[in-house]
Amino acid sequence: MDQGGAAPVFSARTETDGDHVRVVVVGEVDMATADTMLQAALREPAGRVTLDLREVTFFDSAAIHAVVRLAQRFPGVLTVLPSRQVRRVLEISGLAGQDWVAPA
């Protein structure tokens, strides 16, 4: 379907710099897209992972589950950069205080 040049509903782009993997996510992360975000972060071997969610506009429980799985997979080396909307969801779910959530 032609969106007439509108921004994509979802995209996940992986950037690698040595053992640092950065996943830049744009749009809506939900049941249909959360696994794609997760797999993008797991695609390359990584000693450090940054999940850049600053352009995410919607974040549901499937997205939370994917991020928690990443935190379990990469303890102490995951950093999540949340958008305002993502930070609010993490606050509501009680996860905003986790060490992997970047401060506001």
PDB file of N, CA and C in Angstrom:
ATOM      1  N   MET A   1       0.843  -1.177   0.000  1.00  0.00           N
ATOM      2  CA  MET A   1       0.000   0.000   0.000  1.00  0.00           C
ATOM      3  C   MET A   1       0.886   1.239   0.000  1.00  0.00           C
ATOM      4  N   ASP A   2       0.588   2.172  -0.844  1.00  0.00           N
ATOM      5  CA  ASP A   2       1.346   3.412  -0.938  1.00  0.00           C
ATOM      6  C   ASP A   2       0.956   4.332   0.205  1.00  0.00           C
ATOM      7  N   GLN A   3       1.963   4.724   0.988  1.00  0.00           N
ATOM      8  CA  GLN A   3       1.702   5.605   2.126  1.00  0.00           C
ATOM      9  C   GLN A   3       1.967   7.062   1.765  1.00  0.00           C
ATOM     10  N   GLY A   4       2.174   7.327   0.496  1.00  0.00           N
ATOM     11  CA  GLY A   4       2.345   8.696   0.044  1.00  0.00           C
ATOM     12  C   GLY A   4       3.521   9.402   0.690  1.00  0.00           C
ATOM     13  N   GLY A   5       4.626   8.696   0.879  1.00  0.00           N
ATOM     14  CA  GLY A   5       5.818   9.304   1.455  1.00  0.00           C
ATOM     15  C   GLY A   5       5.790   9.409   2.965  1.00  0.00           C
ATOM     16  N   ALA A   6       4.778   8.834   3.608  1.00  0.00           N
ATOM     17  CA  ALA A   6       4.697   8.877   5.067  1.00  0.00           C
ATOM     18  C   ALA A   6       5.824   8.046   5.671  1.00  0.00           C
ATOM     19  N   ALA A   7       6.207   8.391   6.887  1.00  0.00           N
ATOM     20  CA  ALA A   7       7.251   7.648   7.595  1.00  0.00           C
ATOM     21  C   ALA A   7       6.806   6.206   7.794  1.00  0.00           C
ATOM     22  N   PRO A   8       7.759   5.265   7.780  1.00  0.00           N
ATOM     23  CA  PRO A   8       7.370   3.865   7.976  1.00  0.00           C
ATOM     24  C   PRO A   8       6.767   3.650   9.356  1.00  0.00           C
ATOM     25  N   VAL A   9       5.873   2.678   9.444  1.00  0.00           N
ATOM     26  CA  VAL A   9       5.242   2.350  10.713  1.00  0.00           C
ATOM     27  C   VAL A   9       6.262   1.699  11.635  1.00  0.00           C
ATOM     28  N   PHE A  10       7.239   0.982  11.047  1.00  0.00           N
ATOM     29  CA  PHE A  10       8.276   0.324  11.843  1.00  0.00           C
ATOM     30  C   PHE A  10       9.514   0.103  10.981  1.00  0.00           C
ATOM     31  N   SER A  11      10.675   0.328  11.588  1.00  0.00           N
ATOM     32  CA  SER A  11      11.931  -0.096  10.979  1.00  0.00           C
ATOM     33  C   SER A  11      12.942  -0.319  12.094  1.00  0.00           C
ATOM     34  N   ALA A  12      13.854  -1.248  11.844  1.00  0.00           N
ATOM     35  CA  ALA A  12      14.946  -1.531  12.787  1.00  0.00           C
ATOM     36  C   ALA A  12      16.215  -1.669  11.971  1.00  0.00           C
ATOM     37  N   ARG A  13      17.158  -0.786  12.207  1.00  0.00           N
ATOM     38  CA  ARG A  13      18.422  -0.751  11.479  1.00  0.00           C
ATOM     39  C   ARG A  13      19.551  -1.087  12.447  1.00  0.00           C
ATOM     40  N   THR A  14      20.430  -1.997  12.049  1.00  0.00           N
ATOM     41  CA  THR A  14      21.541  -2.401  12.901  1.00  0.00           C
ATOM     42  C   THR A  14      22.829  -1.759  12.410  1.00  0.00           C
ATOM     43  N   GLU A  15      23.577  -1.176  13.337  1.00  0.00           N
ATOM     44  CA  GLU A  15      24.891  -0.596  13.052  1.00  0.00           C
ATOM     45  C   GLU A  15      25.898  -1.317  13.939  1.00  0.00           C
ATOM     46  N   THR A  16      27.026  -1.716  13.377  1.00  0.00           N
ATOM     47  CA  THR A  16      28.039  -2.435  14.140  1.00  0.00           C
ATOM     48  C   THR A  16      29.342  -1.657  14.116  1.00  0.00           C
ATOM     49  N   ASP A  17      29.961  -1.515  15.294  1.00  0.00           N
ATOM     50  CA  ASP A  17      31.257  -0.864  15.430  1.00  0.00           C
ATOM     51  C   ASP A  17      32.092  -1.742  16.356  1.00  0.00           C
ATOM     52  N   GLY A  18      32.918  -2.607  15.784  1.00  0.00           N
ATOM     53  CA  GLY A  18      33.662  -3.564  16.599  1.00  0.00           C
ATOM     54  C   GLY A  18      32.693  -4.529  17.245  1.00  0.00           C
ATOM     55  N   ASP A  19      32.751  -4.615  18.580  1.00  0.00           N
ATOM     56  CA  ASP A  19      31.822  -5.521  19.275  1.00  0.00           C
ATOM     57  C   ASP A  19      30.585  -4.793  19.802  1.00  0.00           C
ATOM     58  N   HIS A  20      30.415  -3.519  19.379  1.00  0.00           N
ATOM     59  CA  HIS A  20      29.246  -2.735  19.795  1.00  0.00           C
ATOM     60  C   HIS A  20      28.186  -2.797  18.700  1.00  0.00           C
ATOM     61  N   VAL A  21      27.019  -3.305  19.050  1.00  0.00           N
ATOM     62  CA  VAL A  21      25.887  -3.354  18.127  1.00  0.00           C
ATOM     63  C   VAL A  21      24.878  -2.313  18.585  1.00  0.00           C
ATOM     64  N   ARG A  22      24.463  -1.472  17.641  1.00  0.00           N
ATOM     65  CA  ARG A  22      23.460  -0.445  17.920  1.00  0.00           C
ATOM     66  C   ARG A  22      22.267  -0.730  17.015  1.00  0.00           C
ATOM     67  N   VAL A  23      21.096  -0.868  17.626  1.00  0.00           N
ATOM     68  CA  VAL A  23      19.873  -1.098  16.862  1.00  0.00           C
ATOM     69  C   VAL A  23      19.029   0.163  16.984  1.00  0.00           C
ATOM     70  N   VAL A  24      18.784   0.797  15.850  1.00  0.00           N
ATOM     71  CA  VAL A  24      17.987   2.019  15.807  1.00  0.00           C
ATOM     72  C   VAL A  24      16.584   1.637  15.334  1.00  0.00           C
ATOM     73  N   VAL A  25      15.606   1.870  16.202  1.00  0.00           N
ATOM     74  CA  VAL A  25      14.224   1.469  15.936  1.00  0.00           C
ATOM     75  C   VAL A  25      13.373   2.718  15.756  1.00  0.00           C
ATOM     76  N   VAL A  26      12.527   2.680  14.735  1.00  0.00           N
ATOM     77  CA  VAL A  26      11.638   3.800  14.423  1.00  0.00           C
ATOM     78  C   VAL A  26      10.215   3.275  14.321  1.00  0.00           C
ATOM     79  N   GLY A  27       9.279   4.024  14.879  1.00  0.00           N
ATOM     80  CA  GLY A  27       7.867   3.703  14.707  1.00  0.00           C
ATOM     81  C   GLY A  27       7.261   2.916  15.847  1.00  0.00           C
ATOM     82  N   GLU A  28       6.396   1.973  15.496  1.00  0.00           N
ATOM     83  CA  GLU A  28       5.609   1.237  16.471  1.00  0.00           C
ATOM     84  C   GLU A  28       6.205  -0.142  16.727  1.00  0.00           C
ATOM     85  N   VAL A  29       6.482  -0.436  18.008  1.00  0.00           N
ATOM     86  CA  VAL A  29       6.953  -1.765  18.389  1.00  0.00           C
ATOM     87  C   VAL A  29       5.812  -2.447  19.127  1.00  0.00           C
ATOM     88  N   ASP A  30       5.273  -3.478  18.489  1.00  0.00           N
ATOM     89  CA  ASP A  30       4.125  -4.182  19.046  1.00  0.00           C
ATOM     90  C   ASP A  30       4.261  -5.675  18.766  1.00  0.00           C
ATOM     91  N   MET A  31       3.178  -6.405  18.927  1.00  0.00           N
ATOM     92  CA  MET A  31       3.205  -7.851  18.751  1.00  0.00           C
ATOM     93  C   MET A  31       3.714  -8.237  17.351  1.00  0.00           C
ATOM     94  N   ALA A  32       3.434  -7.422  16.357  1.00  0.00           N
ATOM     95  CA  ALA A  32       3.835  -7.737  14.988  1.00  0.00           C
ATOM     96  C   ALA A  32       5.300  -7.418  14.699  1.00  0.00           C
ATOM     97  N   THR A  33       5.914  -6.528  15.489  1.00  0.00           N
ATOM     98  CA  THR A  33       7.262  -6.061  15.158  1.00  0.00           C
ATOM     99  C   THR A  33       8.312  -6.314  16.239  1.00  0.00           C
ATOM    100  N   ALA A  34       7.888  -6.664  17.449  1.00  0.00           N
ATOM    101  CA  ALA A  34       8.831  -6.812  18.565  1.00  0.00           C
ATOM    102  C   ALA A  34       9.894  -7.878  18.289  1.00  0.00           C
ATOM    103  N   ASP A  35       9.492  -8.989  17.675  1.00  0.00           N
ATOM    104  CA  ASP A  35      10.475 -10.036  17.399  1.00  0.00           C
ATOM    105  C   ASP A  35      11.492  -9.576  16.360  1.00  0.00           C
ATOM    106  N   THR A  36      11.083  -8.778  15.405  1.00  0.00           N
ATOM    107  CA  THR A  36      12.016  -8.232  14.417  1.00  0.00           C
ATOM    108  C   THR A  36      13.054  -7.355  15.109  1.00  0.00           C
ATOM    109  N   MET A  37      12.615  -6.546  16.068  1.00  0.00           N
ATOM    110  CA  MET A  37      13.542  -5.718  16.840  1.00  0.00           C
ATOM    111  C   MET A  37      14.522  -6.608  17.610  1.00  0.00           C
ATOM    112  N   LEU A  38      14.001  -7.638  18.262  1.00  0.00           N
ATOM    113  CA  LEU A  38      14.836  -8.564  19.029  1.00  0.00           C
ATOM    114  C   LEU A  38      15.856  -9.248  18.127  1.00  0.00           C
ATOM    115  N   GLN A  39      15.419  -9.768  17.007  1.00  0.00           N
ATOM    116  CA  GLN A  39      16.321 -10.475  16.096  1.00  0.00           C
ATOM    117  C   GLN A  39      17.376  -9.545  15.511  1.00  0.00           C
ATOM    118  N   ALA A  40      17.030  -8.287  15.292  1.00  0.00           N
ATOM    119  CA  ALA A  40      18.025  -7.323  14.798  1.00  0.00           C
ATOM    120  C   ALA A  40      19.152  -7.167  15.811  1.00  0.00           C
ATOM    121  N   ALA A  41      18.810  -7.171  17.096  1.00  0.00           N
ATOM    122  CA  ALA A  41      19.831  -7.026  18.146  1.00  0.00           C
ATOM    123  C   ALA A  41      20.667  -8.291  18.299  1.00  0.00           C
ATOM    124  N   LEU A  42      20.101  -9.440  17.948  1.00  0.00           N
ATOM    125  CA  LEU A  42      20.801 -10.720  18.123  1.00  0.00           C
ATOM    126  C   LEU A  42      21.548 -11.158  16.869  1.00  0.00           C
ATOM    127  N   ARG A  43      21.388 -10.448  15.784  1.00  0.00           N
ATOM    128  CA  ARG A  43      21.944 -10.858  14.490  1.00  0.00           C
ATOM    129  C   ARG A  43      23.463 -10.968  14.494  1.00  0.00           C
ATOM    130  N   GLU A  44      24.138 -10.038  15.145  1.00  0.00           N
ATOM    131  CA  GLU A  44      25.603 -10.005  15.164  1.00  0.00           C
ATOM    132  C   GLU A  44      26.106 -10.319  16.566  1.00  0.00           C
ATOM    133  N   PRO A  45      27.271 -10.983  16.681  1.00  0.00           N
ATOM    134  CA  PRO A  45      27.859 -11.170  18.014  1.00  0.00           C
ATOM    135  C   PRO A  45      28.172  -9.793  18.611  1.00  0.00           C
ATOM    136  N   ALA A  46      27.932  -9.641  19.902  1.00  0.00           N
ATOM    137  CA  ALA A  46      28.103  -8.317  20.500  1.00  0.00           C
ATOM    138  C   ALA A  46      28.644  -8.425  21.911  1.00  0.00           C
ATOM    139  N   GLY A  47      29.547  -7.516  22.235  1.00  0.00           N
ATOM    140  CA  GLY A  47      30.019  -7.372  23.600  1.00  0.00           C
ATOM    141  C   GLY A  47      29.276  -6.257  24.303  1.00  0.00           C
ATOM    142  N   ARG A  48      28.627  -5.396  23.503  1.00  0.00           N
ATOM    143  CA  ARG A  48      27.865  -4.267  24.026  1.00  0.00           C
ATOM    144  C   ARG A  48      26.725  -3.987  23.054  1.00  0.00           C
ATOM    145  N   VAL A  49      25.534  -3.723  23.587  1.00  0.00           N
ATOM    146  CA  VAL A  49      24.356  -3.481  22.744  1.00  0.00           C
ATOM    147  C   VAL A  49      23.674  -2.204  23.190  1.00  0.00           C
ATOM    148  N   THR A  50      23.370  -1.350  22.214  1.00  0.00           N
ATOM    149  CA  THR A  50      22.560  -0.160  22.456  1.00  0.00           C
ATOM    150  C   THR A  50      21.284  -0.307  21.655  1.00  0.00           C
ATOM    151  N   LEU A  51      20.168  -0.211  22.334  1.00  0.00           N
ATOM    152  CA  LEU A  51      18.862  -0.254  21.695  1.00  0.00           C
ATOM    153  C   LEU A  51      18.326   1.179  21.700  1.00  0.00           C
ATOM    154  N   ASP A  52      18.390   1.812  20.542  1.00  0.00           N
ATOM    155  CA  ASP A  52      17.991   3.212  20.406  1.00  0.00           C
ATOM    156  C   ASP A  52      16.511   3.275  20.045  1.00  0.00           C
ATOM    157  N   LEU A  53      15.699   3.598  21.029  1.00  0.00           N
ATOM    158  CA  LEU A  53      14.244   3.652  20.859  1.00  0.00           C
ATOM    159  C   LEU A  53      13.732   5.093  20.870  1.00  0.00           C
ATOM    160  N   ARG A  54      14.611   6.050  20.637  1.00  0.00           N
ATOM    161  CA  ARG A  54      14.220   7.459  20.737  1.00  0.00           C
ATOM    162  C   ARG A  54      13.214   7.895  19.683  1.00  0.00           C
ATOM    163  N   GLU A  55      13.054   7.102  18.609  1.00  0.00           N
ATOM    164  CA  GLU A  55      12.074   7.434  17.568  1.00  0.00           C
ATOM    165  C   GLU A  55      10.877   6.485  17.593  1.00  0.00           C
ATOM    166  N   VAL A  56      10.706   5.766  18.697  1.00  0.00           N
ATOM    167  CA  VAL A  56       9.584   4.841  18.832  1.00  0.00           C
ATOM    168  C   VAL A  56       8.364   5.609  19.333  1.00  0.00           C
ATOM    169  N   THR A  57       7.239   5.390  18.659  1.00  0.00           N
ATOM    170  CA  THR A  57       6.007   6.113  18.979  1.00  0.00           C
ATOM    171  C   THR A  57       4.981   5.264  19.717  1.00  0.00           C
ATOM    172  N   PHE A  58       5.148   3.941  19.702  1.00  0.00           N
ATOM    173  CA  PHE A  58       4.230   3.031  20.385  1.00  0.00           C
ATOM    174  C   PHE A  58       5.032   1.839  20.871  1.00  0.00           C
ATOM    175  N   PHE A  59       4.738   1.355  22.090  1.00  0.00           N
ATOM    176  CA  PHE A  59       5.530   0.299  22.722  1.00  0.00           C
ATOM    177  C   PHE A  59       4.593  -0.492  23.609  1.00  0.00           C
ATOM    178  N   ASP A  60       4.355  -1.781  23.269  1.00  0.00           N
ATOM    179  CA  ASP A  60       3.390  -2.559  24.032  1.00  0.00           C
ATOM    180  C   ASP A  60       4.064  -3.669  24.839  1.00  0.00           C
ATOM    181  N   SER A  61       3.269  -4.581  25.375  1.00  0.00           N
ATOM    182  CA  SER A  61       3.811  -5.636  26.237  1.00  0.00           C
ATOM    183  C   SER A  61       4.735  -6.588  25.486  1.00  0.00           C
ATOM    184  N   ALA A  62       4.489  -6.817  24.209  1.00  0.00           N
ATOM    185  CA  ALA A  62       5.398  -7.657  23.420  1.00  0.00           C
ATOM    186  C   ALA A  62       6.759  -6.981  23.296  1.00  0.00           C
ATOM    187  N   ALA A  63       6.755  -5.675  23.162  1.00  0.00           N
ATOM    188  CA  ALA A  63       8.008  -4.916  23.089  1.00  0.00           C
ATOM    189  C   ALA A  63       8.750  -4.975  24.421  1.00  0.00           C
ATOM    190  N   ILE A  64       8.012  -4.847  25.523  1.00  0.00           N
ATOM    191  CA  ILE A  64       8.622  -4.968  26.849  1.00  0.00           C
ATOM    192  C   ILE A  64       9.277  -6.336  26.992  1.00  0.00           C
ATOM    193  N   HIS A  65       8.571  -7.370  26.601  1.00  0.00           N
ATOM    194  CA  HIS A  65       9.097  -8.732  26.698  1.00  0.00           C
ATOM    195  C   HIS A  65      10.397  -8.870  25.889  1.00  0.00           C
ATOM    196  N   ALA A  66      10.428  -8.314  24.696  1.00  0.00           N
ATOM    197  CA  ALA A  66      11.632  -8.382  23.861  1.00  0.00           C
ATOM    198  C   ALA A  66      12.809  -7.675  24.530  1.00  0.00           C
ATOM    199  N   VAL A  67      12.565  -6.524  25.126  1.00  0.00           N
ATOM    200  CA  VAL A  67      13.634  -5.780  25.791  1.00  0.00           C
ATOM    201  C   VAL A  67      14.124  -6.533  27.034  1.00  0.00           C
ATOM    202  N   VAL A  68      13.223  -7.112  27.790  1.00  0.00           N
ATOM    203  CA  VAL A  68      13.621  -7.891  28.966  1.00  0.00           C
ATOM    204  C   VAL A  68      14.465  -9.088  28.533  1.00  0.00           C
ATOM    205  N   ARG A  69      14.095  -9.725  27.436  1.00  0.00           N
ATOM    206  CA  ARG A  69      14.913 -10.840  26.916  1.00  0.00           C
ATOM    207  C   ARG A  69      16.310 -10.363  26.546  1.00  0.00           C
ATOM    208  N   LEU A  70      16.407  -9.187  25.943  1.00  0.00           N
ATOM    209  CA  LEU A  70      17.729  -8.633  25.614  1.00  0.00           C
ATOM    210  C   LEU A  70      18.526  -8.339  26.880  1.00  0.00           C
ATOM    211  N   ALA A  71      17.859  -7.810  27.898  1.00  0.00           N
ATOM    212  CA  ALA A  71      18.544  -7.517  29.165  1.00  0.00           C
ATOM    213  C   ALA A  71      19.072  -8.797  29.802  1.00  0.00           C
ATOM    214  N   GLN A  72      18.322  -9.881  29.670  1.00  0.00           N
ATOM    215  CA  GLN A  72      18.777 -11.168  30.204  1.00  0.00           C
ATOM    216  C   GLN A  72      19.930 -11.723  29.372  1.00  0.00           C
ATOM    217  N   ARG A  73      19.881 -11.519  28.080  1.00  0.00           N
ATOM    218  CA  ARG A  73      20.912 -12.035  27.178  1.00  0.00           C
ATOM    219  C   ARG A  73      22.209 -11.239  27.277  1.00  0.00           C
ATOM    220  N   PHE A  74      22.105  -9.951  27.567  1.00  0.00           N
ATOM    221  CA  PHE A  74      23.265  -9.059  27.617  1.00  0.00           C
ATOM    222  C   PHE A  74      23.343  -8.343  28.969  1.00  0.00           C
ATOM    223  N   PRO A  75      23.481  -9.084  30.067  1.00  0.00           N
ATOM    224  CA  PRO A  75      23.510  -8.434  31.389  1.00  0.00           C
ATOM    225  C   PRO A  75      24.709  -7.504  31.529  1.00  0.00           C
ATOM    226  N   GLY A  76      24.422  -6.299  31.962  1.00  0.00           N
ATOM    227  CA  GLY A  76      25.485  -5.329  32.212  1.00  0.00           C
ATOM    228  C   GLY A  76      26.047  -4.636  30.987  1.00  0.00           C
ATOM    229  N   VAL A  77      25.628  -5.046  29.782  1.00  0.00           N
ATOM    230  CA  VAL A  77      26.182  -4.425  28.572  1.00  0.00           C
ATOM    231  C   VAL A  77      25.093  -3.898  27.628  1.00  0.00           C
ATOM    232  N   LEU A  78      23.834  -3.923  28.072  1.00  0.00           N
ATOM    233  CA  LEU A  78      22.730  -3.382  27.282  1.00  0.00           C
ATOM    234  C   LEU A  78      22.402  -1.981  27.767  1.00  0.00           C
ATOM    235  N   THR A  79      22.224  -1.072  26.803  1.00  0.00           N
ATOM    236  CA  THR A  79      21.733   0.271  27.103  1.00  0.00           C
ATOM    237  C   THR A  79      20.517   0.531  26.231  1.00  0.00           C
ATOM    238  N   VAL A  80      19.425   0.946  26.863  1.00  0.00           N
ATOM    239  CA  VAL A  80      18.211   1.296  26.139  1.00  0.00           C
ATOM    240  C   VAL A  80      18.040   2.807  26.215  1.00  0.00           C
ATOM    241  N   LEU A  81      17.932   3.430  25.049  1.00  0.00           N
ATOM    242  CA  LEU A  81      17.696   4.872  24.947  1.00  0.00           C
ATOM    243  C   LEU A  81      16.222   5.061  24.592  1.00  0.00           C
ATOM    244  N   PRO A  82      15.364   5.333  25.585  1.00  0.00           N
ATOM    245  CA  PRO A  82      13.919   5.370  25.324  1.00  0.00           C
ATOM    246  C   PRO A  82      13.425   6.723  24.824  1.00  0.00           C
ATOM    247  N   SER A  83      12.382   6.661  24.005  1.00  0.00           N
ATOM    248  CA  SER A  83      11.627   7.871  23.671  1.00  0.00           C
ATOM    249  C   SER A  83      10.786   8.227  24.895  1.00  0.00           C
ATOM    250  N   ARG A  84      10.108   9.343  24.837  1.00  0.00           N
ATOM    251  CA  ARG A  84       9.225   9.741  25.930  1.00  0.00           C
ATOM    252  C   ARG A  84       8.131   8.697  26.143  1.00  0.00           C
ATOM    253  N   GLN A  85       7.569   8.189  25.030  1.00  0.00           N
ATOM    254  CA  GLN A  85       6.511   7.191  25.124  1.00  0.00           C
ATOM    255  C   GLN A  85       7.035   5.881  25.718  1.00  0.00           C
ATOM    256  N   VAL A  86       8.217   5.456  25.279  1.00  0.00           N
ATOM    257  CA  VAL A  86       8.791   4.212  25.794  1.00  0.00           C
ATOM    258  C   VAL A  86       9.108   4.360  27.277  1.00  0.00           C
ATOM    259  N   ARG A  87       9.675   5.489  27.663  1.00  0.00           N
ATOM    260  CA  ARG A  87       9.993   5.701  29.078  1.00  0.00           C
ATOM    261  C   ARG A  87       8.715   5.610  29.924  1.00  0.00           C
ATOM    262  N   ARG A  88       7.633   6.165  29.439  1.00  0.00           N
ATOM    263  CA  ARG A  88       6.361   6.120  30.186  1.00  0.00           C
ATOM    264  C   ARG A  88       5.889   4.678  30.364  1.00  0.00           C
ATOM    265  N   VAL A  89       5.982   3.874  29.306  1.00  0.00           N
ATOM    266  CA  VAL A  89       5.588   2.465  29.399  1.00  0.00           C
ATOM    267  C   VAL A  89       6.497   1.730  30.383  1.00  0.00           C
ATOM    268  N   LEU A  90       7.794   2.006  30.349  1.00  0.00           N
ATOM    269  CA  LEU A  90       8.722   1.377  31.281  1.00  0.00           C
ATOM    270  C   LEU A  90       8.436   1.808  32.723  1.00  0.00           C
ATOM    271  N   GLU A  91       8.035   3.069  32.909  1.00  0.00           N
ATOM    272  CA  GLU A  91       7.669   3.535  34.248  1.00  0.00           C
ATOM    273  C   GLU A  91       6.431   2.791  34.750  1.00  0.00           C
ATOM    274  N   ILE A  92       5.427   2.684  33.910  1.00  0.00           N
ATOM    275  CA  ILE A  92       4.181   2.013  34.299  1.00  0.00           C
ATOM    276  C   ILE A  92       4.439   0.548  34.630  1.00  0.00           C
ATOM    277  N   SER A  93       5.334  -0.086  33.869  1.00  0.00           N
ATOM    278  CA  SER A  93       5.617  -1.510  34.073  1.00  0.00           C
ATOM    279  C   SER A  93       6.609  -1.768  35.206  1.00  0.00           C
ATOM    280  N   GLY A  94       7.146  -0.689  35.794  1.00  0.00           N
ATOM    281  CA  GLY A  94       8.091  -0.838  36.895  1.00  0.00           C
ATOM    282  C   GLY A  94       9.517  -1.121  36.459  1.00  0.00           C
ATOM    283  N   LEU A  95       9.816  -0.931  35.167  1.00  0.00           N
ATOM    284  CA  LEU A  95      11.159  -1.230  34.652  1.00  0.00           C
ATOM    285  C   LEU A  95      12.044  -0.007  34.440  1.00  0.00           C
ATOM    286  N   ALA A  96      11.504   1.184  34.632  1.00  0.00           N
ATOM    287  CA  ALA A  96      12.271   2.394  34.333  1.00  0.00           C
ATOM    288  C   ALA A  96      13.527   2.525  35.173  1.00  0.00           C
ATOM    289  N   GLY A  97      13.569   1.898  36.336  1.00  0.00           N
ATOM    290  CA  GLY A  97      14.726   1.991  37.210  1.00  0.00           C
ATOM    291  C   GLY A  97      15.811   0.967  36.930  1.00  0.00           C
ATOM    292  N   GLN A  98      15.615   0.132  35.940  1.00  0.00           N
ATOM    293  CA  GLN A  98      16.628  -0.875  35.617  1.00  0.00           C
ATOM    294  C   GLN A  98      17.921  -0.199  35.149  1.00  0.00           C
ATOM    295  N   ASP A  99      19.055  -0.833  35.428  1.00  0.00           N
ATOM    296  CA  ASP A  99      20.333  -0.215  35.072  1.00  0.00           C
ATOM    297  C   ASP A  99      20.543  -0.121  33.564  1.00  0.00           C
ATOM    298  N   TRP A 100      19.768  -0.838  32.777  1.00  0.00           N
ATOM    299  CA  TRP A 100      19.927  -0.787  31.330  1.00  0.00           C
ATOM    300  C   TRP A 100      19.135   0.354  30.685  1.00  0.00           C
ATOM    301  N   VAL A 101      18.304   1.047  31.447  1.00  0.00           N
ATOM    302  CA  VAL A 101      17.551   2.183  30.916  1.00  0.00           C
ATOM    303  C   VAL A 101      18.375   3.449  31.125  1.00  0.00           C
ATOM    304  N   ALA A 102      18.696   4.125  30.032  1.00  0.00           N
ATOM    305  CA  ALA A 102      19.472   5.360  30.117  1.00  0.00           C
ATOM    306  C   ALA A 102      18.678   6.425  30.852  1.00  0.00           C
ATOM    307  N   PRO A 103      19.360   7.227  31.688  1.00  0.00           N
ATOM    308  CA  PRO A 103      18.642   8.286  32.407  1.00  0.00           C
ATOM    309  C   PRO A 103      18.070   9.326  31.463  1.00  0.00           C
ATOM    310  N   ALA A 104      17.032   9.989  31.917  1.00  0.00           N
ATOM    311  CA  ALA A 104      16.369  11.023  31.096  1.00  0.00           C
ATOM    312  C   ALA A 104      17.261  12.224  30.909  1.00  0.00           C
TER     313      ALA A 104
END
